């Protein structure tokens, strides 16, 4: 009897990485006393990294994610598709 084939999804892996990064950035913003949602929206709209604190490496983490990939992951998650 053969074992089932494992299917890997690059998109799913990317979405997981984006979710983990956003969670870490959100937590860093919250710890520093910022409104994380407002700061993240400001960053996404402007692509200005100063919306994100440098605390705990949050700014470096968020800048590693392509903004288009970030928006796509957010939309897919919001629409549950």
PDB file of N, CA and C in Angstrom:
ATOM      1  N   UNK A   1       0.843  -1.176   0.000  1.00  0.00           N
ATOM      2  CA  UNK A   1       0.000   0.000   0.000  1.00  0.00           C
ATOM      3  C   UNK A   1       0.889   1.240   0.000  1.00  0.00           C
ATOM      4  N   UNK A   2       0.639   2.133  -0.909  1.00  0.00           N
ATOM      5  CA  UNK A   2       1.482   3.324  -1.005  1.00  0.00           C
ATOM      6  C   UNK A   2       0.931   4.445  -0.132  1.00  0.00           C
ATOM      7  N   UNK A   3       1.837   5.330   0.275  1.00  0.00           N
ATOM      8  CA  UNK A   3       1.453   6.469   1.095  1.00  0.00           C
ATOM      9  C   UNK A   3       0.897   7.579   0.208  1.00  0.00           C
ATOM     10  N   UNK A   4      -0.036   8.363   0.743  1.00  0.00           N
ATOM     11  CA  UNK A   4      -0.585   9.448  -0.073  1.00  0.00           C
ATOM     12  C   UNK A   4       0.488  10.480  -0.404  1.00  0.00           C
ATOM     13  N   UNK A   5       0.349  11.061  -1.554  1.00  0.00           N
ATOM     14  CA  UNK A   5       1.288  12.084  -1.992  1.00  0.00           C
ATOM     15  C   UNK A   5       1.037  13.376  -1.227  1.00  0.00           C
ATOM     16  N   UNK A   6       2.095  13.971  -0.747  1.00  0.00           N
ATOM     17  CA  UNK A   6       1.995  15.251  -0.068  1.00  0.00           C
ATOM     18  C   UNK A   6       2.112  16.357  -1.098  1.00  0.00           C
ATOM     19  N   UNK A   7       1.177  17.279  -1.041  1.00  0.00           N
ATOM     20  CA  UNK A   7       1.190  18.408  -1.968  1.00  0.00           C
ATOM     21  C   UNK A   7       1.594  19.653  -1.203  1.00  0.00           C
ATOM     22  N   UNK A   8       2.607  20.329  -1.710  1.00  0.00           N
ATOM     23  CA  UNK A   8       3.073  21.554  -1.087  1.00  0.00           C
ATOM     24  C   UNK A   8       2.557  22.736  -1.885  1.00  0.00           C
ATOM     25  N   UNK A   9       2.143  23.750  -1.177  1.00  0.00           N
ATOM     26  CA  UNK A   9       1.646  24.952  -1.842  1.00  0.00           C
ATOM     27  C   UNK A   9       2.536  26.124  -1.470  1.00  0.00           C
ATOM     28  N   UNK A  10       3.172  26.687  -2.469  1.00  0.00           N
ATOM     29  CA  UNK A  10       4.014  27.854  -2.223  1.00  0.00           C
ATOM     30  C   UNK A  10       3.170  29.015  -1.714  1.00  0.00           C
ATOM     31  N   UNK A  11       1.982  29.197  -2.294  1.00  0.00           N
ATOM     32  CA  UNK A  11       1.109  30.290  -1.865  1.00  0.00           C
ATOM     33  C   UNK A  11       0.685  30.124  -0.416  1.00  0.00           C
ATOM     34  N   UNK A  12       0.370  28.907  -0.014  1.00  0.00           N
ATOM     35  CA  UNK A  12      -0.037  28.671   1.366  1.00  0.00           C
ATOM     36  C   UNK A  12       1.121  28.957   2.308  1.00  0.00           C
ATOM     37  N   UNK A  13       2.333  28.541   1.917  1.00  0.00           N
ATOM     38  CA  UNK A  13       3.511  28.819   2.734  1.00  0.00           C
ATOM     39  C   UNK A  13       3.749  30.317   2.842  1.00  0.00           C
ATOM     40  N   UNK A  14       3.577  31.026   1.728  1.00  0.00           N
ATOM     41  CA  UNK A  14       3.764  32.473   1.730  1.00  0.00           C
ATOM     42  C   UNK A  14       2.717  33.147   2.615  1.00  0.00           C
ATOM     43  N   UNK A  15       1.477  32.697   2.520  1.00  0.00           N
ATOM     44  CA  UNK A  15       0.414  33.265   3.349  1.00  0.00           C
ATOM     45  C   UNK A  15       0.687  33.024   4.830  1.00  0.00           C
ATOM     46  N   UNK A  16       1.200  31.855   5.148  1.00  0.00           N
ATOM     47  CA  UNK A  16       1.535  31.544   6.544  1.00  0.00           C
ATOM     48  C   UNK A  16       2.654  32.451   7.035  1.00  0.00           C
ATOM     49  N   UNK A  17       3.653  32.651   6.201  1.00  0.00           N
ATOM     50  CA  UNK A  17       4.762  33.542   6.563  1.00  0.00           C
ATOM     51  C   UNK A  17       4.266  34.973   6.763  1.00  0.00           C
ATOM     52  N   UNK A  18       3.377  35.424   5.893  1.00  0.00           N
ATOM     53  CA  UNK A  18       2.827  36.775   6.006  1.00  0.00           C
ATOM     54  C   UNK A  18       2.014  36.897   7.295  1.00  0.00           C
ATOM     55  N   UNK A  19       1.206  35.889   7.595  1.00  0.00           N
ATOM     56  CA  UNK A  19       0.396  35.916   8.824  1.00  0.00           C
ATOM     57  C   UNK A  19       1.297  36.001  10.059  1.00  0.00           C
ATOM     58  N   UNK A  20       2.356  35.201  10.077  1.00  0.00           N
ATOM     59  CA  UNK A  20       3.266  35.204  11.224  1.00  0.00           C
ATOM     60  C   UNK A  20       3.958  36.557  11.358  1.00  0.00           C
ATOM     61  N   UNK A  21       4.396  37.112  10.252  1.00  0.00           N
ATOM     62  CA  UNK A  21       5.073  38.408  10.275  1.00  0.00           C
ATOM     63  C   UNK A  21       4.122  39.502  10.736  1.00  0.00           C
ATOM     64  N   UNK A  22       2.908  39.524  10.193  1.00  0.00           N
ATOM     65  CA  UNK A  22       1.931  40.537  10.600  1.00  0.00           C
ATOM     66  C   UNK A  22       1.612  40.434  12.084  1.00  0.00           C
ATOM     67  N   UNK A  23       1.508  39.214  12.579  1.00  0.00           N
ATOM     68  CA  UNK A  23       1.238  39.018  14.005  1.00  0.00           C
ATOM     69  C   UNK A  23       2.381  39.570  14.852  1.00  0.00           C
ATOM     70  N   UNK A  24       3.606  39.306  14.444  1.00  0.00           N
ATOM     71  CA  UNK A  24       4.770  39.816  15.184  1.00  0.00           C
ATOM     72  C   UNK A  24       4.831  41.342  15.135  1.00  0.00           C
ATOM     73  N   UNK A  25       4.564  41.912  13.966  1.00  0.00           N
ATOM     74  CA  UNK A  25       4.585  43.366  13.822  1.00  0.00           C
ATOM     75  C   UNK A  25       3.452  43.985  14.635  1.00  0.00           C
ATOM     76  N   UNK A  26       2.278  43.395  14.564  1.00  0.00           N
ATOM     77  CA  UNK A  26       1.120  43.861  15.341  1.00  0.00           C
ATOM     78  C   UNK A  26       1.464  43.884  16.833  1.00  0.00           C
ATOM     79  N   UNK A  27       2.038  42.790  17.313  1.00  0.00           N
ATOM     80  CA  UNK A  27       2.402  42.693  18.732  1.00  0.00           C
ATOM     81  C   UNK A  27       3.423  43.761  19.123  1.00  0.00           C
ATOM     82  N   UNK A  28       4.415  43.993  18.268  1.00  0.00           N
ATOM     83  CA  UNK A  28       5.432  45.003  18.560  1.00  0.00           C
ATOM     84  C   UNK A  28       4.814  46.389  18.623  1.00  0.00           C
ATOM     85  N   UNK A  29       3.920  46.687  17.683  1.00  0.00           N
ATOM     86  CA  UNK A  29       3.248  47.992  17.687  1.00  0.00           C
ATOM     87  C   UNK A  29       2.407  48.167  18.953  1.00  0.00           C
ATOM     88  N   UNK A  30       1.690  47.126  19.315  1.00  0.00           N
ATOM     89  CA  UNK A  30       0.843  47.183  20.510  1.00  0.00           C
ATOM     90  C   UNK A  30       1.689  47.382  21.770  1.00  0.00           C
ATOM     91  N   UNK A  31       2.809  46.664  21.853  1.00  0.00           N
ATOM     92  CA  UNK A  31       3.684  46.789  23.021  1.00  0.00           C
ATOM     93  C   UNK A  31       4.239  48.200  23.166  1.00  0.00           C
ATOM     94  N   UNK A  32       4.447  48.866  22.040  1.00  0.00           N
ATOM     95  CA  UNK A  32       4.980  50.226  22.088  1.00  0.00           C
ATOM     96  C   UNK A  32       3.882  51.281  22.274  1.00  0.00           C
ATOM     97  N   UNK A  33       2.630  50.844  22.370  1.00  0.00           N
ATOM     98  CA  UNK A  33       1.543  51.758  22.656  1.00  0.00           C
ATOM     99  C   UNK A  33       0.854  52.360  21.436  1.00  0.00           C
ATOM    100  N   UNK A  34       1.159  51.849  20.274  1.00  0.00           N
ATOM    101  CA  UNK A  34       0.526  52.339  19.049  1.00  0.00           C
ATOM    102  C   UNK A  34      -0.775  51.587  18.790  1.00  0.00           C
ATOM    103  N   UNK A  35      -1.618  52.157  17.935  1.00  0.00           N
ATOM    104  CA  UNK A  35      -2.791  51.452  17.437  1.00  0.00           C
ATOM    105  C   UNK A  35      -2.308  50.636  16.230  1.00  0.00           C
ATOM    106  N   UNK A  36      -2.132  49.332  16.389  1.00  0.00           N
ATOM    107  CA  UNK A  36      -1.527  48.525  15.332  1.00  0.00           C
ATOM    108  C   UNK A  36      -2.284  48.569  14.004  1.00  0.00           C
ATOM    109  N   UNK A  37      -3.599  48.553  14.055  1.00  0.00           N
ATOM    110  CA  UNK A  37      -4.373  48.560  12.812  1.00  0.00           C
ATOM    111  C   UNK A  37      -4.134  49.858  12.053  1.00  0.00           C
ATOM    112  N   UNK A  38      -4.206  50.986  12.743  1.00  0.00           N
ATOM    113  CA  UNK A  38      -3.982  52.278  12.084  1.00  0.00           C
ATOM    114  C   UNK A  38      -2.573  52.373  11.507  1.00  0.00           C
ATOM    115  N   UNK A  39      -1.593  51.898  12.255  1.00  0.00           N
ATOM    116  CA  UNK A  39      -0.215  51.968  11.786  1.00  0.00           C
ATOM    117  C   UNK A  39      -0.001  51.077  10.564  1.00  0.00           C
ATOM    118  N   UNK A  40      -0.561  49.875  10.601  1.00  0.00           N
ATOM    119  CA  UNK A  40      -0.412  48.967   9.463  1.00  0.00           C
ATOM    120  C   UNK A  40      -1.126  49.492   8.226  1.00  0.00           C
ATOM    121  N   UNK A  41      -2.300  50.073   8.407  1.00  0.00           N
ATOM    122  CA  UNK A  41      -3.015  50.665   7.267  1.00  0.00           C
ATOM    123  C   UNK A  41      -2.191  51.804   6.687  1.00  0.00           C
ATOM    124  N   UNK A  42      -1.648  52.654   7.538  1.00  0.00           N
ATOM    125  CA  UNK A  42      -0.801  53.749   7.067  1.00  0.00           C
ATOM    126  C   UNK A  42       0.385  53.234   6.271  1.00  0.00           C
ATOM    127  N   UNK A  43       0.997  52.174   6.765  1.00  0.00           N
ATOM    128  CA  UNK A  43       2.137  51.580   6.056  1.00  0.00           C
ATOM    129  C   UNK A  43       1.712  51.025   4.702  1.00  0.00           C
ATOM    130  N   UNK A  44       0.621  50.287   4.687  1.00  0.00           N
ATOM    131  CA  UNK A  44       0.171  49.654   3.445  1.00  0.00           C
ATOM    132  C   UNK A  44      -0.193  50.711   2.403  1.00  0.00           C
ATOM    133  N   UNK A  45      -0.880  51.753   2.816  1.00  0.00           N
ATOM    134  CA  UNK A  45      -1.302  52.784   1.868  1.00  0.00           C
ATOM    135  C   UNK A  45      -0.138  53.615   1.344  1.00  0.00           C
ATOM    136  N   UNK A  46       0.804  53.913   2.207  1.00  0.00           N
ATOM    137  CA  UNK A  46       1.883  54.829   1.822  1.00  0.00           C
ATOM    138  C   UNK A  46       3.198  54.125   1.489  1.00  0.00           C
ATOM    139  N   UNK A  47       3.349  52.916   1.977  1.00  0.00           N
ATOM    140  CA  UNK A  47       4.612  52.171   1.906  1.00  0.00           C
ATOM    141  C   UNK A  47       5.742  52.914   2.625  1.00  0.00           C
ATOM    142  N   UNK A  48       5.366  53.757   3.564  1.00  0.00           N
ATOM    143  CA  UNK A  48       6.326  54.500   4.374  1.00  0.00           C
ATOM    144  C   UNK A  48       6.659  53.667   5.607  1.00  0.00           C
ATOM    145  N   UNK A  49       7.888  53.163   5.713  1.00  0.00           N
ATOM    146  CA  UNK A  49       8.239  52.265   6.814  1.00  0.00           C
ATOM    147  C   UNK A  49       8.221  52.924   8.190  1.00  0.00           C
ATOM    148  N   UNK A  50       8.185  54.255   8.240  1.00  0.00           N
ATOM    149  CA  UNK A  50       8.189  54.907   9.554  1.00  0.00           C
ATOM    150  C   UNK A  50       6.872  54.700  10.305  1.00  0.00           C
ATOM    151  N   UNK A  51       5.853  54.166   9.646  1.00  0.00           N
ATOM    152  CA  UNK A  51       4.615  53.813  10.351  1.00  0.00           C
ATOM    153  C   UNK A  51       4.829  52.618  11.282  1.00  0.00           C
ATOM    154  N   UNK A  52       5.901  51.874  11.041  1.00  0.00           N
ATOM    155  CA  UNK A  52       6.167  50.652  11.808  1.00  0.00           C
ATOM    156  C   UNK A  52       7.365  50.882  12.720  1.00  0.00           C
ATOM    157  N   UNK A  53       7.196  50.542  13.978  1.00  0.00           N
ATOM    158  CA  UNK A  53       8.261  50.703  14.958  1.00  0.00           C
ATOM    159  C   UNK A  53       9.462  49.808  14.635  1.00  0.00           C
ATOM    160  N   UNK A  54      10.620  50.240  15.071  1.00  0.00           N
ATOM    161  CA  UNK A  54      11.810  49.399  14.925  1.00  0.00           C
ATOM    162  C   UNK A  54      11.915  48.393  16.074  1.00  0.00           C
ATOM    163  N   UNK A  55      11.072  48.563  17.083  1.00  0.00           N
ATOM    164  CA  UNK A  55      11.070  47.686  18.249  1.00  0.00           C
ATOM    165  C   UNK A  55      10.930  46.222  17.814  1.00  0.00           C
ATOM    166  N   UNK A  56      11.780  45.377  18.348  1.00  0.00           N
ATOM    167  CA  UNK A  56      11.748  43.936  18.099  1.00  0.00           C
ATOM    168  C   UNK A  56      11.908  43.591  16.612  1.00  0.00           C
ATOM    169  N   UNK A  57      12.540  44.498  15.857  1.00  0.00           N
ATOM    170  CA  UNK A  57      12.802  44.239  14.445  1.00  0.00           C
ATOM    171  C   UNK A  57      11.575  44.303  13.549  1.00  0.00           C
ATOM    172  N   UNK A  58      10.498  44.912  14.057  1.00  0.00           N
ATOM    173  CA  UNK A  58       9.228  44.915  13.326  1.00  0.00           C
ATOM    174  C   UNK A  58       9.341  45.573  11.953  1.00  0.00           C
ATOM    175  N   UNK A  59      10.038  46.683  11.872  1.00  0.00           N
ATOM    176  CA  UNK A  59      10.153  47.389  10.590  1.00  0.00           C
ATOM    177  C   UNK A  59      10.897  46.544   9.558  1.00  0.00           C
ATOM    178  N   UNK A  60      11.964  45.907   9.972  1.00  0.00           N
ATOM    179  CA  UNK A  60      12.709  45.041   9.050  1.00  0.00           C
ATOM    180  C   UNK A  60      11.867  43.850   8.606  1.00  0.00           C
ATOM    181  N   UNK A  61      11.088  43.311   9.518  1.00  0.00           N
ATOM    182  CA  UNK A  61      10.244  42.160   9.191  1.00  0.00           C
ATOM    183  C   UNK A  61       9.199  42.521   8.145  1.00  0.00           C
ATOM    184  N   UNK A  62       8.496  43.633   8.351  1.00  0.00           N
ATOM    185  CA  UNK A  62       7.413  44.002   7.439  1.00  0.00           C
ATOM    186  C   UNK A  62       7.947  44.377   6.064  1.00  0.00           C
ATOM    187  N   UNK A  63       9.153  44.928   6.019  1.00  0.00           N
ATOM    188  CA  UNK A  63       9.716  45.351   4.729  1.00  0.00           C
ATOM    189  C   UNK A  63      10.159  44.168   3.865  1.00  0.00           C
ATOM    190  N   UNK A  64      10.266  42.992   4.459  1.00  0.00           N
ATOM    191  CA  UNK A  64      10.628  41.798   3.694  1.00  0.00           C
ATOM    192  C   UNK A  64       9.446  41.249   2.895  1.00  0.00           C
ATOM    193  N   UNK A  65       8.249  41.744   3.201  1.00  0.00           N
ATOM    194  CA  UNK A  65       7.049  41.280   2.506  1.00  0.00           C
ATOM    195  C   UNK A  65       6.710  42.264   1.395  1.00  0.00           C
ATOM    196  N   UNK A  66       6.543  41.751   0.199  1.00  0.00           N
ATOM    197  CA  UNK A  66       6.104  42.574  -0.924  1.00  0.00           C
ATOM    198  C   UNK A  66       4.691  43.089  -0.636  1.00  0.00           C
ATOM    199  N   UNK A  67       4.474  44.368  -0.846  1.00  0.00           N
ATOM    200  CA  UNK A  67       3.185  44.965  -0.515  1.00  0.00           C
ATOM    201  C   UNK A  67       2.039  44.310  -1.286  1.00  0.00           C
ATOM    202  N   UNK A  68       2.248  43.956  -2.535  1.00  0.00           N
ATOM    203  CA  UNK A  68       1.204  43.283  -3.315  1.00  0.00           C
ATOM    204  C   UNK A  68       0.863  41.921  -2.705  1.00  0.00           C
ATOM    205  N   UNK A  69       1.876  41.187  -2.275  1.00  0.00           N
ATOM    206  CA  UNK A  69       1.641  39.896  -1.623  1.00  0.00           C
ATOM    207  C   UNK A  69       0.879  40.089  -0.315  1.00  0.00           C
ATOM    208  N   UNK A  70       1.228  41.128   0.415  1.00  0.00           N
ATOM    209  CA  UNK A  70       0.559  41.432   1.673  1.00  0.00           C
ATOM    210  C   UNK A  70      -0.918  41.731   1.443  1.00  0.00           C
ATOM    211  N   UNK A  71      -1.204  42.594   0.479  1.00  0.00           N
ATOM    212  CA  UNK A  71      -2.595  42.934   0.180  1.00  0.00           C
ATOM    213  C   UNK A  71      -3.374  41.716  -0.304  1.00  0.00           C
ATOM    214  N   UNK A  72      -2.758  40.904  -1.140  1.00  0.00           N
ATOM    215  CA  UNK A  72      -3.417  39.707  -1.643  1.00  0.00           C
ATOM    216  C   UNK A  72      -3.752  38.748  -0.493  1.00  0.00           C
ATOM    217  N   UNK A  73      -2.819  38.539   0.412  1.00  0.00           N
ATOM    218  CA  UNK A  73      -3.051  37.649   1.549  1.00  0.00           C
ATOM    219  C   UNK A  73      -4.150  38.192   2.453  1.00  0.00           C
ATOM    220  N   UNK A  74      -4.144  39.494   2.679  1.00  0.00           N
ATOM    221  CA  UNK A  74      -5.181  40.100   3.513  1.00  0.00           C
ATOM    222  C   UNK A  74      -6.557  39.932   2.887  1.00  0.00           C
ATOM    223  N   UNK A  75      -6.663  40.184   1.593  1.00  0.00           N
ATOM    224  CA  UNK A  75      -7.944  40.031   0.902  1.00  0.00           C
ATOM    225  C   UNK A  75      -8.425  38.583   0.914  1.00  0.00           C
ATOM    226  N   UNK A  76      -7.519  37.652   0.609  1.00  0.00           N
ATOM    227  CA  UNK A  76      -7.897  36.241   0.615  1.00  0.00           C
ATOM    228  C   UNK A  76      -8.380  35.824   1.993  1.00  0.00           C
ATOM    229  N   UNK A  77      -7.718  36.281   3.030  1.00  0.00           N
ATOM    230  CA  UNK A  77      -8.107  35.936   4.384  1.00  0.00           C
ATOM    231  C   UNK A  77      -9.448  36.585   4.738  1.00  0.00           C
ATOM    232  N   UNK A  78      -9.623  37.837   4.382  1.00  0.00           N
ATOM    233  CA  UNK A  78     -10.859  38.554   4.688  1.00  0.00           C
ATOM    234  C   UNK A  78     -12.048  37.919   3.988  1.00  0.00           C
ATOM    235  N   UNK A  79     -11.857  37.545   2.718  1.00  0.00           N
ATOM    236  CA  UNK A  79     -12.932  36.951   1.936  1.00  0.00           C
ATOM    237  C   UNK A  79     -13.052  35.444   2.146  1.00  0.00           C
ATOM    238  N   UNK A  80     -12.087  34.884   2.880  1.00  0.00           N
ATOM    239  CA  UNK A  80     -12.063  33.447   3.189  1.00  0.00           C
ATOM    240  C   UNK A  80     -12.089  32.607   1.913  1.00  0.00           C
ATOM    241  N   UNK A  81     -11.190  32.974   0.977  1.00  0.00           N
ATOM    242  CA  UNK A  81     -11.097  32.227  -0.291  1.00  0.00           C
ATOM    243  C   UNK A  81      -9.747  31.550  -0.420  1.00  0.00           C
TER     244      UNK A  81
END
